[in-house]
Amino acid sequence: MSNSEIIQMLTGPFSAMVLAVIMLFAMGRWLAQNVPLYLDRHLKQIDKMIDNHTQDREMYRQGLQTLTEQHNVLAREVQEITVSVKDIKDEVTVLNHKITS
């Protein structure tokens, strides 16, 4: 093999193929080292979001329960006021009949 053939082989398609294989190998090693780290970090972030969502859901449920209890108290008070107004109306009607008769 002559010097010109060696130089042509080092600068030609063969060297490009060798360089591509080396680059693929290096990129593969880098991905094998870093992808699990990124994936683990991503999964931890998702777990944290799920925990926060669970806490928010519990707080929302408690808020709705409190709101329902307050609504029930208010509904009872309105019912009592309605009964009182009806009683007052009946008394006024009776008094009006007594006055007019």
Protein backbone atom coordinates (compact mmCIF):
# COMPACT_ATOMS: atom_id res chain seq x y z
CA MET A 1 0.00 0.00 0.00
CA SER A 2 1.42 3.35 -1.00
CA ASN A 3 1.35 6.55 0.94
CA SER A 4 -1.24 8.07 -1.39
CA GLU A 5 -3.56 5.08 -0.89
CA ILE A 6 -3.19 5.34 2.90
CA ILE A 7 -3.87 9.08 2.80
CA GLN A 8 -6.87 8.54 0.53
CA MET A 9 -8.21 5.84 2.88
CA LEU A 10 -7.72 8.12 5.94
CA THR A 11 -9.45 11.08 4.32
CA GLY A 12 -12.01 9.24 2.21
CA PRO A 13 -15.26 7.36 2.80
CA PHE A 14 -13.63 4.76 5.05
CA SER A 15 -12.50 7.36 7.56
CA ALA A 16 -15.95 8.99 7.44
CA MET A 17 -17.52 5.63 8.26
CA VAL A 18 -15.06 5.01 11.12
CA LEU A 19 -15.70 8.53 12.45
CA ALA A 20 -19.48 7.95 12.22
CA VAL A 21 -19.19 4.65 14.13
CA ILE A 22 -17.06 6.30 16.82
CA MET A 23 -19.54 9.18 17.11
CA LEU A 24 -22.49 6.74 17.35
CA PHE A 25 -20.67 4.77 20.04
CA ALA A 26 -19.86 7.95 22.02
CA MET A 27 -23.42 9.25 21.66
CA GLY A 28 -24.80 5.87 22.74
CA ARG A 29 -22.63 5.85 25.86
CA TRP A 30 -23.65 9.43 26.69
CA LEU A 31 -27.35 8.57 26.25
CA ALA A 32 -26.98 5.42 28.34
CA GLN A 33 -25.51 7.46 31.18
CA ASN A 34 -27.79 10.51 31.03
CA VAL A 35 -31.22 9.27 29.93
CA PRO A 36 -31.83 7.31 33.17
CA LEU A 37 -30.96 10.45 35.18
CA TYR A 38 -33.35 12.61 33.16
CA LEU A 39 -36.04 9.93 33.28
CA ASP A 40 -35.67 9.51 37.04
CA ARG A 41 -35.89 13.27 37.56
CA HIS A 42 -38.99 13.40 35.35
CA LEU A 43 -40.68 10.55 37.21
CA LYS A 44 -39.94 12.20 40.58
CA GLN A 45 -41.52 15.40 39.30
CA ILE A 46 -44.63 13.49 38.20
CA ASP A 47 -44.84 11.80 41.62
CA LYS A 48 -44.62 15.22 43.28
CA MET A 49 -47.40 16.54 41.03
CA ILE A 50 -49.59 13.57 41.92
CA ASP A 51 -48.99 14.14 45.65
CA ASN A 52 -49.86 17.83 45.28
CA HIS A 53 -52.97 16.91 43.30
CA THR A 54 -54.04 14.47 46.03
CA GLN A 55 -53.60 17.16 48.68
CA ASP A 56 -55.54 19.66 46.57
CA ARG A 57 -58.35 17.14 46.06
CA GLU A 58 -58.60 16.51 49.80
CA MET A 59 -58.71 20.25 50.49
CA TYR A 60 -61.39 20.66 47.79
CA ARG A 61 -63.43 17.81 49.29
CA GLN A 62 -63.22 19.36 52.76
CA GLY A 63 -64.25 22.73 51.34
CA LEU A 64 -67.28 21.20 49.65
CA GLN A 65 -68.22 19.39 52.85
CA THR A 66 -68.01 22.63 54.84
CA LEU A 67 -70.02 24.43 52.17
CA THR A 68 -72.69 21.71 52.26
CA GLU A 69 -72.93 21.93 56.05
CA GLN A 70 -73.27 25.71 55.90
CA HIS A 71 -75.91 25.38 53.20
CA ASN A 72 -77.89 22.94 55.33
CA VAL A 73 -77.76 25.31 58.33
CA LEU A 74 -78.89 28.18 56.11
CA ALA A 75 -81.71 26.08 54.63
CA ARG A 76 -82.96 25.23 58.14
CA GLU A 77 -82.86 28.89 59.14
CA VAL A 78 -84.79 29.88 56.01
CA GLN A 79 -87.36 27.18 56.78
CA GLU A 80 -87.75 28.52 60.34
CA ILE A 81 -88.14 32.08 59.02
CA THR A 82 -90.74 30.87 56.52
CA VAL A 83 -92.74 29.19 59.29
CA SER A 84 -92.46 32.32 61.45
CA VAL A 85 -93.63 34.55 58.61
CA LYS A 86 -96.55 32.21 57.93
CA ASP A 87 -97.52 32.30 61.63
CA ILE A 88 -97.30 36.10 61.68
CA LYS A 89 -99.39 36.27 58.51
CA ASP A 90 -102.04 34.01 60.07
CA GLU A 91 -102.10 36.18 63.22
CA VAL A 92 -102.45 39.36 61.17
CA THR A 93 -105.28 37.79 59.20
CA VAL A 94 -107.07 36.80 62.42
CA LEU A 95 -106.60 40.31 63.85
CA ASN A 96 -107.88 41.87 60.63
CA HIS A 97 -111.01 39.70 60.82
CA LYS A 98 -111.55 40.70 64.45
CA ILE A 99 -111.14 44.37 63.63
CA THR A 100 -113.44 44.27 60.61
CA SER A 101 -116.10 42.25 62.36
